[in-house]
C-alpha atoms as a PDB file:
ATOM      1  CA  MET A   1      14.995  53.388 119.833  1.00  0.00           C
ATOM      2  CA  MET A   2      13.377  55.142 122.515  1.00  0.00           C
ATOM      3  CA  PRO A   3      13.294  58.863 122.640  1.00  0.00           C
ATOM      4  CA  SER A   4      15.343  58.862 125.717  1.00  0.00           C
ATOM      5  CA  GLN A   5      18.000  56.792 124.047  1.00  0.00           C
ATOM      6  CA  ILE A   6      18.275  59.247 120.871  1.00  0.00           C
ATOM      7  CA  ALA A   7      18.699  62.096 123.007  1.00  0.00           C
ATOM      8  CA  GLU A   8      21.309  60.467 125.038  1.00  0.00           C
ATOM      9  CA  LYS A   9      23.186  59.439 121.880  1.00  0.00           C
ATOM     10  CA  ARG A  10      23.162  63.084 120.584  1.00  0.00           C
ATOM     11  CA  LEU A  11      24.342  64.430 123.792  1.00  0.00           C
ATOM     12  CA  GLU A  12      27.176  61.963 123.690  1.00  0.00           C
ATOM     13  CA  ALA A  13      27.887  63.168 120.092  1.00  0.00           C
ATOM     14  CA  SER A  14      27.826  66.639 121.337  1.00  0.00           C
ATOM     15  CA  CYS A  15      30.014  66.043 124.428  1.00  0.00           C
ATOM     16  CA  PHE A  16      32.493  64.362 122.022  1.00  0.00           C
ATOM     17  CA  GLU A  17      32.666  67.708 119.898  1.00  0.00           C
ATOM     18  CA  VAL A  18      33.031  69.879 123.251  1.00  0.00           C
ATOM     19  CA  MET A  19      36.103  67.646 123.965  1.00  0.00           C
ATOM     20  CA  ARG A  20      37.460  67.982 120.560  1.00  0.00           C
ATOM     21  CA  GLU A  21      36.726  71.819 120.712  1.00  0.00           C
ATOM     22  CA  ILE A  22      38.575  72.312 123.989  1.00  0.00           C
ATOM     23  CA  SER A  23      41.657  70.507 122.485  1.00  0.00           C
ATOM     24  CA  ARG A  24      41.581  72.799 119.402  1.00  0.00           C
ATOM     25  CA  ALA A  25      41.273  76.021 121.413  1.00  0.00           C
ATOM     26  CA  VAL A  26      44.176  74.859 123.565  1.00  0.00           C
ATOM     27  CA  GLU A  27      46.265  74.226 120.550  1.00  0.00           C
ATOM     28  CA  LYS A  28      45.324  77.323 118.926  1.00  0.00           C
ATOM     29  CA  HIS A  29      45.571  79.663 121.876  1.00  0.00           C
ATOM     30  CA  GLY A  30      47.582  77.846 124.589  1.00  0.00           C
ATOM     31  CA  TYR A  31      46.149  76.466 127.862  1.00  0.00           C
ATOM     32  CA  GLY A  32      46.624  79.858 129.673  1.00  0.00           C
ATOM     33  CA  ARG A  33      44.372  81.643 127.255  1.00  0.00           C
ATOM     34  CA  THR A  34      41.262  79.527 127.481  1.00  0.00           C
ATOM     35  CA  PRO A  35      38.837  79.443 130.488  1.00  0.00           C
ATOM     36  CA  LEU A  36      40.749  76.168 131.600  1.00  0.00           C
ATOM     37  CA  SER A  37      43.372  78.248 133.145  1.00  0.00           C
ATOM     38  CA  THR A  38      42.874  78.765 136.768  1.00  0.00           C
ATOM     39  CA  ASP A  39      45.194  81.961 136.336  1.00  0.00           C
ATOM     40  CA  MET A  40      42.622  83.644 133.920  1.00  0.00           C
ATOM     41  CA  GLY A  41      40.082  85.765 135.785  1.00  0.00           C
ATOM     42  CA  ASP A  42      36.306  85.239 135.857  1.00  0.00           C
ATOM     43  CA  ALA A  43      35.962  88.708 134.027  1.00  0.00           C
ATOM     44  CA  SER A  44      38.194  87.417 131.054  1.00  0.00           C
ATOM     45  CA  LYS A  45      36.156  84.122 130.967  1.00  0.00           C
ATOM     46  CA  LEU A  46      32.901  85.917 130.900  1.00  0.00           C
ATOM     47  CA  ILE A  47      34.271  87.899 127.928  1.00  0.00           C
ATOM     48  CA  ILE A  48      35.304  84.812 125.926  1.00  0.00           C
ATOM     49  CA  LEU A  49      31.927  83.470 126.748  1.00  0.00           C
ATOM     50  CA  VAL A  50      29.893  86.275 125.899  1.00  0.00           C
ATOM     51  CA  GLU A  51      31.862  86.692 122.446  1.00  0.00           C
ATOM     52  CA  GLU A  52      30.737  83.116 121.643  1.00  0.00           C
ATOM     53  CA  VAL A  53      27.330  83.719 122.500  1.00  0.00           C
ATOM     54  CA  GLY A  54      27.517  86.727 120.292  1.00  0.00           C
ATOM     55  CA  GLU A  55      28.479  84.372 117.340  1.00  0.00           C
ATOM     56  CA  VAL A  56      25.607  82.176 118.079  1.00  0.00           C
ATOM     57  CA  ALA A  57      23.377  85.605 117.659  1.00  0.00           C
ATOM     58  CA  ARG A  58      25.007  86.642 114.517  1.00  0.00           C
ATOM     59  CA  ALA A  59      24.390  82.925 113.128  1.00  0.00           C
ATOM     60  CA  LEU A  60      20.657  83.798 113.810  1.00  0.00           C
ATOM     61  CA  THR A  61      20.408  87.146 112.158  1.00  0.00           C
ATOM     62  CA  TYR A  62      17.960  87.522 109.216  1.00  0.00           C
ATOM     63  CA  ASP A  63      20.591  88.982 106.867  1.00  0.00           C
ATOM     64  CA  ASN A  64      23.211  86.466 107.888  1.00  0.00           C
ATOM     65  CA  ALA A  65      21.353  83.009 108.863  1.00  0.00           C
ATOM     66  CA  ASP A  66      23.942  80.316 109.058  1.00  0.00           C
ATOM     67  CA  PHE A  67      22.276  77.275 110.622  1.00  0.00           C
ATOM     68  CA  GLU A  68      25.371  74.996 110.120  1.00  0.00           C
ATOM     69  CA  GLY A  69      27.254  77.745 111.630  1.00  0.00           C
ATOM     70  CA  LEU A  70      24.667  77.908 114.498  1.00  0.00           C
ATOM     71  CA  LYS A  71      25.693  74.265 115.484  1.00  0.00           C
ATOM     72  CA  SER A  72      29.452  74.809 115.582  1.00  0.00           C
ATOM     73  CA  GLU A  73      28.784  78.156 117.630  1.00  0.00           C
ATOM     74  CA  LEU A  74      26.781  76.377 120.230  1.00  0.00           C
ATOM     75  CA  ILE A  75      29.458  73.850 120.534  1.00  0.00           C
ATOM     76  CA  GLN A  76      31.907  76.715 121.235  1.00  0.00           C
ATOM     77  CA  VAL A  77      29.390  78.209 123.716  1.00  0.00           C
ATOM     78  CA  ALA A  78      29.028  74.767 125.583  1.00  0.00           C
ATOM     79  CA  THR A  79      33.203  74.309 125.519  1.00  0.00           C
ATOM     80  CA  MET A  80      33.972  77.593 127.175  1.00  0.00           C
ATOM     81  CA  ALA A  81      31.042  77.270 129.707  1.00  0.00           C
ATOM     82  CA  LEU A  82      32.382  73.905 130.479  1.00  0.00           C
ATOM     83  CA  ALA A  83      35.870  74.858 130.630  1.00  0.00           C
ATOM     84  CA  TRP A  84      35.330  77.737 132.826  1.00  0.00           C
ATOM     85  CA  HIS A  85      33.245  75.483 135.329  1.00  0.00           C
ATOM     86  CA  ALA A  86      36.236  73.029 135.198  1.00  0.00           C
ATOM     87  CA  SER A  87      38.673  75.520 136.220  1.00  0.00           C
ATOM     88  CA  LEU A  88      36.475  76.466 139.259  1.00  0.00           C
ATOM     89  CA  GLU A  89      37.709  73.011 140.649  1.00  0.00           C
ATOM     90  CA  GLY A  90      41.480  74.235 140.881  1.00  0.00           C
ATOM     91  CA  PRO A  91      44.707  73.888 139.016  1.00  0.00           C
ATOM     92  CA  ALA A  92      45.040  70.656 137.023  1.00  0.00           C
END
């Protein structure tokens, strides 16, 4: 398998994880309390995204390094960023 094919498979798997994570977030918090919502302001969406980035930073700290947790937190960052991007297209 070519390196580009390996990368494509990894990206596909990550995209699947992002889709599962947005479903989980909507189930847990409700649609209106996620960045998918067109009713939520950009400032609130930024707060959610930055909180997730903070979780990535925490997973990398020397006294709390958690590389398995890092993978999960990166999926959450990608999920919130993608949800925000999707909301810019207008109401569902």
